[in-house]
Each structure stands twice: as C-alpha cells, then as structure tokens.
Amino acid sequence: MSQWVYLEDISEHVGEDVEIRGWMFNKRSSGKIHFLQLRDGTGFIQAIVEKSSTDEEVFKTADSLRMESSVVVEGRVREDKRSPYGYELDVKNIEVIQIPSEDYPISKKEHGIDFLMTNRHLWLRSKRQFHILRIRDEVIRATREFYHSKKFVLVDTPIFTGAIGESAGETFSVKYFDLGKAYLAQTGQLYLEAAIMALGKVFNLGPTFRAEKSKTRRHLTEFWMNEAEMAYYTSDDNMTFQEELISYIVKRVLEKASEHLEAIGRDVKPLEKVKAPFPRISYDEAVKLLQKKGFDMKWGDDIGGDEETGISVEFDRPVMVYNYPGNIKAFYMQPDPNNPKVVLCNDMIAPEGYGEIIGASQRIHDPDLLIEKIKEFNLPVESYDWYVDLRRYGTVPHSGFGMGIERLVAWICKLDHIREAIPFARTIYRIHP
C-alpha cells in the first residue's frame, strides 16, 4: 500500500510509489494520455495517465474527471525539470471521492472582481490566492516568533468593549444584554496597557473592526492587527523596536516563502532593501516635503493616502513620520514636552505606495492629563475609569503600536487591493460569503 504524502514533501519521495489526496484543478488530454493538474493544499503536481501503461479502468476514470474533482491518486514520483513543478507522478490508480455534477463556476476565462469576490469561497482555490495566503501565514508566524524571541508575553484582548480606543463614529455597536451598548473592538491597546503593569512587555494578534465608510484599496471593516505595549519605552525606543520587527518579518518571508513570492510575480529586490535603520522624518519635515512636491498641504492637516505615497516614493524602505499635531491624533498620546502642540507618535509608511502599516505613540502616563484629554475629545470619563486607574497605581512612561496584518501582506505581495490579503474580506459593500 502506497504511503500518503503531501506535495510540499514530494521531493523526498523520488522513485517511490506514493498516494496523493487532493483535487484536480485542470486537465488536458490527447487520445492516449491525460495530464492531470493536482493540488492538495500544500502544493501542486502534474500526474500522467498513459493509456499504454495504465489499467483501462484507471484511464477511463481519468477521462471522466471534471475540474475540482476530489481524488486519491497513486503513482510513482519522478523528477522532471521540464515540469512547472519540478516533479511528475506516473499514475497507477485513481480513487474518485467526488466528481462535481456541474461545471466549476470559476473557469480559465477572465472574471470580474465582483464575481470573484462573490465566489471567494471557491476563488481561494486558485494558485495565486494559495500563494498569497501562504505568505500571509508566514507573516503571522514570523510576527509571533519575533515577539517570543524578545521575551514578550501574548495577551488576548477583548472583542466586546465598553471603552472606545479611537473615534465613536467609527465603531460597530451592539446591545449587550441589560448593560447597554457595547462596541466591537477597534483596538486592544487599552487592555494591553493594563497588562504591561503586570507583565512588562506584551503583544496581541487578533481581529479588529472599524466602521469608517472608506472605499480605498487600503481599507477593510474587519482586519487583523498586531499590537504591542512596552513599559518604560520612550517614543524613540518604540520606533527602534518597530524597525526590528518589520525587518525580521520581511527577512523571514524572503527566507521561508520565496517560492510563493516568485509564483505571484513579486520582484523581491525592493524587499531585500528592508533593513534597519529606517529613515525618520518629523511631521514638520513631511509637510515641507509635500508642499515642495506640489501637494495642497498646510501644517495641522492630516497625512492621507496620496500624501503617504508622495512621501514613500522618496525612500527605498519604510519611512517613519513622527510627532504629529495632537489635535489630529488620539486622546491617549503623550504631548512632546518641548512642543505641546505635537505628540510623541509615529506612523510607519511602507514603500511602493502602500501607505501606513504601523501607527504608534508614547502613551500619556499622568492621570490628570489623561482625564483632561478624555474630556477634550468628548469621551465619557466614566467609561475610562479603569484606564485612568492604571496611572494612579504605579504609573510609568510606556509606548506601543498597532500593525495592520493585511496592509503588511498587501505590501509584501505587492497586491493591487487589500481584499486579497485576507481570506474573506469585509468591506462597506460586502459581507458575503
């Protein structure tokens, strides 16, 4: 009986009889030979069924297969450098699990993006989506590895929350039993700040939700975010740590997922330049740069998507813009003691026009100043009683950031739209499938 092996390990079984359990995603045939394109979730291979050397029933079975037939195929592995996969399978037997009763909806012809997103549950099976999701997996694996190598502790933060981290106008609210209104978390930051007082250095990785009605190629309403908080870190410490994190992730993807980058046609030369230290420019410098490039930008304006692209093209790696005006940033950011008009924060902007991938700041650690800012931003002080408590008992300077997983994946893969960076995209126009 042949050994069941996964296609990602096929190179270890040259000359052996093996069993592949998977799906046929394409087929071409002549009168005397069938070329079956198989996948099993870990890789791809071409299986050869020759009439002259195969049992007649096996040849007939191969002839009957339609796209996305699920099959168990037995055969002998051989290396073939002419094959797009490097190896081929000479088929000895085919066990059919299912042959679809109708044609597979996604054919070789061109389909519009709306059709593909409506059929996202099937589109995931395509080669390009397979490779993108493998790269995403490596990004998340590298993120976790980095934090654990730095002795951070994973802290899972709530999805339901009564405290708003950013703006009330951008939250999804739900009725929470008899306790009134709750919100789907925009961020786990506030809870991570509580955790650092117990654990020192912490991170999370999970879904977050933003109800802003944005239609850009960089926005989703549900996305995955990695956040970190560090006790006793200054804003400068924070920026240095972010450089190390991004450099590590990109390096690991180049090492572990290069074949997937190659398969989607990603030029890796720009990624090879992503090494710390990264360039840093102040908000003031960014405004002057944008004005010089012809942008209608004045001091106090936020830096939007077009402006981020205008900045990023000046650099060959991520750039950090630091110390924005306080009135365009969140309530919890520490004012610069040398210039109270700005806060100790930074946005990391990816190169190649992919915009912000990290938002960060040093947090306010003085309880009175925090209360003042909560009121200034018209937020209910009573909802943040526990958050202020953190400053009443053993307060320390501390910093943290949030990194968008999909934006990072979109940049690393050089995707046209962020919707391909997540298995099932949620946008203002789509919640199906």
Protein backbone atom coordinates (compact mmCIF):
# COMPACT_ATOMS: atom_id res chain seq x y z
CA MET A 1 0.00 0.00 0.00
CA SER A 2 1.42 3.40 -1.04
CA GLN A 3 2.32 5.99 1.60
CA TRP A 4 0.14 9.11 1.79
CA VAL A 5 2.41 12.12 1.33
CA TYR A 6 1.85 15.86 0.98
CA LEU A 7 3.03 17.59 -2.18
CA GLU A 8 5.22 20.01 -0.22
CA ASP A 9 7.34 16.94 0.67
CA ILE A 10 7.27 15.30 -2.77
CA SER A 11 11.00 15.91 -3.41
CA GLU A 12 11.78 13.43 -0.63
CA HIS A 13 9.98 10.59 -2.45
CA VAL A 14 11.53 10.46 -5.92
CA GLY A 15 11.39 6.90 -7.25
CA GLU A 16 8.78 5.85 -4.70
CA ASP A 17 5.13 4.90 -5.04
CA VAL A 18 3.01 7.41 -3.14
CA GLU A 19 -0.60 8.38 -2.55
CA ILE A 20 -1.77 11.96 -3.12
CA ARG A 21 -5.09 13.06 -1.65
CA GLY A 22 -6.39 16.23 -3.25
CA TRP A 23 -8.25 17.84 -6.13
CA MET A 24 -7.88 18.06 -9.88
CA PHE A 25 -7.88 21.74 -10.85
CA ASN A 26 -7.12 21.32 -14.55
CA LYS A 27 -6.76 18.65 -17.22
CA ARG A 28 -5.59 18.37 -20.78
CA SER A 29 -5.79 15.25 -22.82
CA SER A 30 -4.92 13.70 -26.13
CA GLY A 31 -6.26 10.37 -27.28
CA LYS A 32 -3.65 8.31 -25.46
CA ILE A 33 -2.62 10.43 -22.48
CA HIS A 34 -4.18 12.57 -19.73
CA PHE A 35 -2.27 15.32 -17.93
CA LEU A 36 -3.97 15.89 -14.59
CA GLN A 37 -3.09 19.02 -12.63
CA LEU A 38 -3.45 18.16 -8.94
CA ARG A 39 -3.25 20.15 -5.71
CA ASP A 40 -3.55 19.04 -2.11
CA GLY A 41 -3.41 22.30 -0.14
CA THR A 42 0.37 22.18 0.25
CA GLY A 43 1.47 22.23 -3.40
CA PHE A 44 0.87 21.24 -7.00
CA ILE A 45 1.91 18.43 -9.31
CA GLN A 46 1.18 17.09 -12.77
CA ALA A 47 0.00 13.48 -12.87
CA ILE A 48 0.44 11.50 -16.08
CA VAL A 49 -2.09 8.81 -17.09
CA GLU A 50 -0.90 6.93 -20.20
CA LYS A 51 -3.24 4.50 -21.94
CA SER A 52 -0.39 2.19 -22.92
CA SER A 53 0.86 1.67 -19.36
CA THR A 54 -2.25 2.14 -17.21
CA ASP A 55 -5.19 -0.13 -16.45
CA GLU A 56 -8.08 0.57 -18.83
CA GLU A 57 -10.48 1.42 -15.98
CA VAL A 58 -8.00 3.91 -14.50
CA PHE A 59 -7.67 5.60 -17.90
CA LYS A 60 -11.48 5.83 -18.21
CA THR A 61 -11.71 7.27 -14.70
CA ALA A 62 -9.16 9.95 -15.61
CA ASP A 63 -11.18 10.76 -18.72
CA SER A 64 -14.33 11.26 -16.64
CA LEU A 65 -12.84 13.79 -14.20
CA ARG A 66 -14.07 17.38 -14.21
CA MET A 67 -12.47 20.45 -12.67
CA GLU A 68 -12.36 20.25 -8.85
CA SER A 69 -12.98 16.52 -8.74
CA SER A 70 -11.70 15.23 -5.40
CA VAL A 71 -9.44 12.21 -5.86
CA VAL A 72 -6.92 9.92 -4.23
CA VAL A 73 -4.18 9.22 -6.78
CA GLU A 74 -1.47 6.57 -6.51
CA GLY A 75 1.65 6.69 -8.62
CA ARG A 76 5.42 6.81 -8.84
CA VAL A 77 7.25 10.10 -8.32
CA ARG A 78 9.91 11.18 -10.77
CA GLU A 79 11.89 14.36 -11.11
CA ASP A 80 11.31 16.33 -14.31
CA LYS A 81 12.96 19.72 -14.72
CA ARG A 82 10.71 20.49 -17.69
CA SER A 83 7.65 20.28 -15.47
CA PRO A 84 6.43 23.58 -13.96
CA TYR A 85 6.51 21.85 -10.56
CA GLY A 86 9.83 20.05 -10.95
CA TYR A 87 8.25 16.63 -10.36
CA GLU A 88 5.62 14.46 -12.00
CA LEU A 89 3.54 11.49 -10.95
CA ASP A 90 3.14 8.43 -13.18
CA VAL A 91 -0.36 7.30 -12.21
CA LYS A 92 -1.16 3.70 -11.27
CA ASN A 93 -4.60 4.12 -9.71
CA ILE A 94 -7.28 6.76 -9.15
CA GLU A 95 -9.94 6.60 -6.44
CA VAL A 96 -12.73 9.11 -7.01
CA ILE A 97 -14.16 10.80 -3.93
CA GLN A 98 -16.46 13.10 -5.89
CA ILE A 99 -16.93 14.31 -9.46
CA PRO A 100 -18.94 17.58 -9.44
CA SER A 101 -22.30 17.23 -11.19
CA GLU A 102 -21.93 20.61 -12.90
CA ASP A 103 -19.18 22.81 -14.29
CA TYR A 104 -16.98 24.63 -11.80
CA PRO A 105 -18.07 28.31 -11.70
CA ILE A 106 -14.54 29.73 -11.94
CA SER A 107 -13.16 28.78 -15.34
CA LYS A 108 -10.00 29.71 -17.20
CA LYS A 109 -11.66 32.74 -18.78
CA GLU A 110 -11.34 36.20 -17.24
CA HIS A 111 -13.80 37.00 -14.45
CA GLY A 112 -14.64 40.40 -12.97
CA ILE A 113 -13.59 41.16 -9.40
CA ASP A 114 -17.21 41.30 -8.18
CA PHE A 115 -17.82 37.78 -9.48
CA LEU A 116 -14.61 36.53 -7.88
CA MET A 117 -15.41 38.15 -4.52
CA THR A 118 -18.94 36.72 -4.59
CA ASN A 119 -17.31 33.33 -5.16
CA ARG A 120 -14.45 33.96 -2.73
CA HIS A 121 -15.09 30.58 -1.08
CA LEU A 122 -14.08 28.99 -4.39
CA TRP A 123 -11.60 31.64 -5.59
CA LEU A 124 -9.39 30.72 -2.63
CA ARG A 125 -8.53 27.51 -4.51
CA SER A 126 -6.75 29.35 -7.33
CA LYS A 127 -2.97 29.26 -7.47
CA ARG A 128 -2.48 32.98 -6.87
CA GLN A 129 -4.71 33.01 -3.80
CA PHE A 130 -2.99 29.88 -2.48
CA HIS A 131 0.39 31.61 -2.67
CA ILE A 132 -0.86 34.87 -1.12
CA LEU A 133 -2.41 33.07 1.85
CA ARG A 134 0.79 31.05 2.33
CA ILE A 135 2.72 34.33 2.50
CA ARG A 136 0.18 35.70 5.00
CA ASP A 137 0.71 32.59 7.13
CA GLU A 138 4.47 33.20 7.11
CA VAL A 139 3.99 36.88 8.06
CA ILE A 140 1.92 35.86 11.10
CA ARG A 141 4.32 33.07 12.04
CA ALA A 142 7.29 35.47 11.84
CA THR A 143 5.43 38.08 13.90
CA ARG A 144 4.84 35.62 16.73
CA GLU A 145 8.41 34.29 16.52
CA PHE A 146 9.85 37.77 16.82
CA TYR A 147 7.90 38.67 19.94
CA HIS A 148 8.71 35.43 21.67
CA SER A 149 12.39 35.83 20.78
CA LYS A 150 12.22 39.19 22.58
CA LYS A 151 10.51 37.56 25.59
CA PHE A 152 7.16 39.28 25.09
CA VAL A 153 4.01 37.68 26.52
CA LEU A 154 0.92 37.11 24.37
CA VAL A 155 -2.18 38.71 25.89
CA ASP A 156 -5.54 38.11 24.18
CA THR A 157 -7.63 41.27 24.38
CA PRO A 158 -11.46 41.53 24.33
CA ILE A 159 -13.56 41.81 21.18
CA PHE A 160 -16.51 43.30 23.11
CA THR A 161 -15.57 46.51 24.86
CA GLY A 162 -17.25 49.42 26.60
CA ALA A 163 -14.29 51.75 26.05
CA ILE A 164 -13.52 53.29 22.67
CA GLY A 165 -9.89 53.48 21.61
CA GLU A 166 -10.23 55.90 18.71
CA SER A 167 -13.44 57.61 17.50
CA ALA A 168 -17.02 56.71 18.45
CA GLY A 169 -18.14 57.42 14.87
CA GLU A 170 -16.05 54.54 13.59
CA THR A 171 -17.32 51.76 15.87
CA PHE A 172 -19.80 48.93 15.40
CA SER A 173 -22.15 48.94 18.38
CA VAL A 174 -24.28 46.09 19.72
CA LYS A 175 -26.83 45.73 22.52
CA TYR A 176 -25.09 43.92 25.37
CA PHE A 177 -27.79 42.19 27.45
CA ASP A 178 -29.01 44.60 30.15
CA LEU A 179 -25.74 46.53 30.34
CA GLY A 180 -26.48 48.88 27.47
CA LYS A 181 -24.29 49.40 24.44
CA ALA A 182 -21.03 47.59 23.73
CA TYR A 183 -18.64 48.03 20.84
CA LEU A 184 -16.66 45.69 18.62
CA ALA A 185 -13.05 46.46 19.43
CA GLN A 186 -11.19 48.95 17.27
CA THR A 187 -8.07 48.11 19.21
CA GLY A 188 -6.82 46.04 22.13
CA GLN A 189 -4.36 48.74 23.12
CA LEU A 190 -6.03 49.94 26.30
CA TYR A 191 -6.12 46.39 27.66
CA LEU A 192 -2.51 45.77 26.71
CA GLU A 193 -1.59 48.88 28.67
CA ALA A 194 -3.17 47.25 31.73
CA ALA A 195 -1.23 44.05 31.05
CA ILE A 196 2.20 45.72 30.90
CA MET A 197 1.85 46.74 34.52
CA ALA A 198 1.81 43.00 35.29
CA LEU A 199 3.98 41.56 32.51
CA GLY A 200 6.24 44.36 31.25
CA LYS A 201 6.22 43.60 27.50
CA VAL A 202 3.10 42.25 25.81
CA PHE A 203 1.53 41.76 22.38
CA ASN A 204 -1.71 40.58 20.83
CA LEU A 205 -2.84 39.42 17.39
CA GLY A 206 -6.49 39.30 16.50
CA PRO A 207 -9.45 40.80 14.64
CA THR A 208 -10.41 44.46 14.95
CA PHE A 209 -13.30 46.43 13.48
CA ARG A 210 -13.61 49.93 12.00
CA ALA A 211 -16.94 51.32 10.80
CA GLU A 212 -15.44 54.13 8.74
CA LYS A 213 -17.05 54.35 5.30
CA SER A 214 -13.85 54.16 3.34
CA LYS A 215 -13.74 52.70 -0.18
CA THR A 216 -9.99 52.78 -0.79
CA ARG A 217 -7.83 49.82 -1.76
CA ARG A 218 -6.19 50.05 1.69
CA HIS A 219 -9.26 49.69 3.91
CA LEU A 220 -11.31 46.84 5.35
CA THR A 221 -14.03 46.99 8.02
CA GLU A 222 -12.72 43.82 9.69
CA PHE A 223 -9.00 43.22 9.73
CA TRP A 224 -6.30 41.58 11.80
CA MET A 225 -3.99 43.69 13.89
CA ASN A 226 -0.89 43.03 15.90
CA GLU A 227 -0.41 45.41 18.81
CA ALA A 228 2.37 45.71 21.35
CA GLU A 229 2.89 47.71 24.54
CA MET A 230 6.13 48.14 26.44
CA ALA A 231 6.62 49.56 29.95
CA TYR A 232 9.36 52.20 30.29
CA TYR A 233 9.74 52.56 26.49
CA THR A 234 10.07 56.07 25.08
CA SER A 235 8.84 57.03 21.63
CA ASP A 236 12.39 56.60 20.30
CA ASP A 237 12.63 53.12 21.87
CA ASN A 238 9.30 52.34 20.24
CA MET A 239 10.47 53.35 16.75
CA THR A 240 13.64 51.28 17.06
CA PHE A 241 11.59 48.24 18.05
CA GLN A 242 9.24 48.69 15.07
CA GLU A 243 12.23 48.76 12.71
CA GLU A 244 13.48 45.49 14.15
CA LEU A 245 10.04 43.86 13.86
CA ILE A 246 9.44 44.80 10.21
CA SER A 247 13.00 43.91 9.21
CA TYR A 248 12.61 40.49 10.84
CA ILE A 249 9.26 39.74 9.21
CA VAL A 250 10.42 40.67 5.71
CA LYS A 251 13.65 38.69 6.15
CA ARG A 252 11.73 35.60 7.27
CA VAL A 253 9.28 35.83 4.37
CA LEU A 254 12.20 36.08 1.93
CA GLU A 255 13.78 33.02 3.56
CA LYS A 256 10.69 30.87 4.05
CA ALA A 257 8.23 31.92 1.35
CA SER A 258 10.39 32.99 -1.59
CA GLU A 259 8.79 30.41 -3.89
CA HIS A 260 5.36 31.89 -3.15
CA LEU A 261 6.60 35.44 -3.86
CA GLU A 262 8.09 34.21 -7.13
CA ALA A 263 4.85 32.42 -8.07
CA ILE A 264 2.82 35.66 -7.84
CA GLY A 265 5.47 37.59 -9.77
CA ARG A 266 6.69 39.71 -6.87
CA ASP A 267 10.03 41.43 -7.55
CA VAL A 268 11.90 40.77 -4.30
CA LYS A 269 14.70 43.31 -4.87
CA PRO A 270 12.80 46.12 -3.07
CA LEU A 271 12.11 43.75 -0.15
CA GLU A 272 15.80 42.87 0.13
CA LYS A 273 16.49 46.53 0.98
CA VAL A 274 14.20 46.44 4.02
CA LYS A 275 16.79 46.51 6.77
CA ALA A 276 17.00 48.69 9.88
CA PRO A 277 17.59 51.51 10.46
CA PHE A 278 14.72 53.12 8.57
CA PRO A 279 14.61 56.81 7.63
CA ARG A 280 12.77 59.08 10.08
CA ILE A 281 11.31 62.48 9.29
CA SER A 282 9.30 64.78 11.54
CA TYR A 283 5.77 65.82 10.67
CA ASP A 284 7.15 69.32 10.06
CA GLU A 285 9.64 67.93 7.54
CA ALA A 286 6.91 65.84 5.91
CA VAL A 287 4.71 68.91 5.39
CA LYS A 288 7.60 70.79 3.77
CA LEU A 289 8.41 67.81 1.55
CA LEU A 290 4.81 67.51 0.40
CA GLN A 291 4.49 71.24 -0.25
CA LYS A 292 7.67 71.08 -2.34
CA LYS A 293 6.12 68.20 -4.35
CA GLY A 294 3.01 70.31 -5.08
CA PHE A 295 0.57 68.92 -2.52
CA ASP A 296 -2.03 71.28 -1.08
CA MET A 297 -0.81 70.70 2.46
CA LYS A 298 -0.52 73.01 5.43
CA TRP A 299 0.66 72.44 8.99
CA GLY A 300 -2.13 70.83 11.01
CA ASP A 301 -3.56 68.78 8.14
CA ASP A 302 -3.57 65.02 8.45
CA ILE A 303 -1.45 62.99 6.06
CA GLY A 304 -3.76 60.98 3.81
CA GLY A 305 -3.21 58.14 1.37
CA ASP A 306 -2.00 60.26 -1.54
CA GLU A 307 0.35 62.18 0.73
CA GLU A 308 1.71 58.93 2.21
CA THR A 309 2.50 57.74 -1.31
CA GLY A 310 4.16 61.08 -2.08
CA ILE A 311 6.44 60.62 0.94
CA SER A 312 7.17 56.93 0.42
CA VAL A 313 8.48 57.28 -3.14
CA GLU A 314 11.39 59.26 -1.76
CA PHE A 315 12.71 56.24 0.14
CA ASP A 316 13.71 52.65 -0.67
CA ARG A 317 12.43 51.19 2.60
CA PRO A 318 9.72 52.05 5.15
CA VAL A 319 9.87 55.61 6.48
CA MET A 320 8.67 56.81 9.88
CA VAL A 321 6.94 60.17 10.20
CA TYR A 322 6.97 61.27 13.83
CA ASN A 323 5.45 63.88 16.14
CA TYR A 324 2.13 64.84 14.54
CA PRO A 325 -0.10 67.67 15.81
CA GLY A 326 -2.01 66.45 18.86
CA ASN A 327 -5.44 67.58 17.59
CA ILE A 328 -5.36 65.07 14.69
CA LYS A 329 -4.24 62.12 16.82
CA ALA A 330 -5.85 60.01 19.56
CA PHE A 331 -6.54 61.26 23.08
CA TYR A 332 -4.04 58.96 24.82
CA MET A 333 -0.86 60.20 23.10
CA GLN A 334 1.82 61.89 25.20
CA PRO A 335 2.44 65.56 24.32
CA ASP A 336 6.01 66.46 23.44
CA PRO A 337 7.42 68.29 26.50
CA ASN A 338 9.43 70.52 24.15
CA ASN A 339 6.44 71.38 21.96
CA PRO A 340 2.97 70.73 23.46
CA LYS A 341 1.31 71.24 20.05
CA VAL A 342 2.62 67.88 18.89
CA VAL A 343 2.51 64.40 20.42
CA LEU A 344 5.20 61.74 20.71
CA CYS A 345 4.00 59.40 17.99
CA ASN A 346 4.91 57.94 14.63
CA ASP A 347 3.36 56.37 11.57
CA MET A 348 5.41 53.89 9.57
CA ILE A 349 4.74 54.23 5.85
CA ALA A 350 5.55 51.33 3.54
CA PRO A 351 7.40 51.94 0.27
CA GLU A 352 5.96 51.41 -3.21
CA GLY A 353 2.79 53.37 -2.40
CA TYR A 354 1.31 51.06 0.25
CA GLY A 355 0.73 53.65 2.95
CA GLU A 356 0.68 53.34 6.72
CA ILE A 357 1.42 49.89 8.13
CA ILE A 358 2.08 50.91 11.76
CA GLY A 359 0.58 53.60 13.97
CA ALA A 360 2.39 54.22 17.26
CA SER A 361 2.90 56.55 20.18
CA GLN A 362 4.17 57.08 23.67
CA ARG A 363 1.10 56.97 25.93
CA ILE A 364 0.07 59.58 28.49
CA HIS A 365 1.09 58.31 31.92
CA ASP A 366 -0.13 61.23 34.07
CA PRO A 367 -3.71 60.59 35.36
CA ASP A 368 -4.75 64.24 35.47
CA LEU A 369 -3.55 64.92 31.94
CA LEU A 370 -5.31 61.78 30.70
CA ILE A 371 -8.63 62.88 32.24
CA GLU A 372 -8.17 66.30 30.67
CA LYS A 373 -7.65 64.73 27.23
CA ILE A 374 -10.63 62.36 27.58
CA LYS A 375 -12.85 65.39 28.22
CA GLU A 376 -11.23 67.37 25.43
CA PHE A 377 -12.10 64.59 22.97
CA ASN A 378 -15.72 64.49 24.26
CA LEU A 379 -15.44 60.92 25.54
CA PRO A 380 -17.30 59.68 28.66
CA VAL A 381 -14.85 59.78 31.57
CA GLU A 382 -16.79 57.08 33.45
CA SER A 383 -16.09 54.56 30.65
CA TYR A 384 -12.37 55.01 31.19
CA ASP A 385 -12.26 54.79 34.99
CA TRP A 386 -10.18 51.62 34.88
CA TYR A 387 -7.88 53.08 32.22
CA VAL A 388 -7.18 56.11 34.41
CA ASP A 389 -6.62 53.75 37.36
CA LEU A 390 -3.54 52.40 35.57
CA ARG A 391 -1.99 55.85 36.06
CA ARG A 392 -3.00 56.09 39.72
CA TYR A 393 -1.17 52.98 40.87
CA GLY A 394 2.45 52.72 39.82
CA THR A 395 2.31 54.73 36.61
CA VAL A 396 5.33 54.64 34.28
CA PRO A 397 6.19 56.06 30.86
CA HIS A 398 5.21 53.50 28.24
CA SER A 399 4.74 53.14 24.50
CA GLY A 400 3.10 50.90 21.94
CA PHE A 401 1.79 50.50 18.42
CA GLY A 402 -0.61 48.70 16.11
CA MET A 403 0.42 46.94 12.90
CA GLY A 404 -2.14 46.02 10.24
CA ILE A 405 -1.53 42.45 9.03
CA GLU A 406 -3.40 42.88 5.74
CA ARG A 407 -1.60 46.10 4.86
CA LEU A 408 1.70 44.40 5.58
CA VAL A 409 0.76 41.40 3.42
CA ALA A 410 -0.52 43.66 0.62
CA TRP A 411 2.82 45.49 0.52
CA ILE A 412 4.99 42.38 0.77
CA CYS A 413 2.98 40.69 -2.02
CA LYS A 414 2.55 43.96 -3.98
CA LEU A 415 -1.20 43.42 -4.30
CA ASP A 416 -3.45 45.85 -6.15
CA HIS A 417 -6.07 45.70 -3.39
CA ILE A 418 -6.06 44.73 0.28
CA ARG A 419 -9.08 42.41 -0.20
CA GLU A 420 -6.73 39.67 -1.50
CA ALA A 421 -4.64 39.84 1.69
CA ILE A 422 -7.35 38.26 3.87
CA PRO A 423 -9.27 35.01 3.29
CA PHE A 424 -12.73 36.62 3.44
CA ALA A 425 -12.77 40.39 3.02
CA ARG A 426 -15.30 42.56 4.82
CA THR A 427 -15.84 45.97 3.22
CA ILE A 428 -18.64 48.54 3.34
CA TYR A 429 -20.18 46.77 0.32
CA ARG A 430 -19.51 43.13 1.17
CA ILE A 431 -20.28 40.70 3.98
CA HIS A 432 -20.88 37.61 1.74
CA PRO A 433 -19.63 34.92 1.70
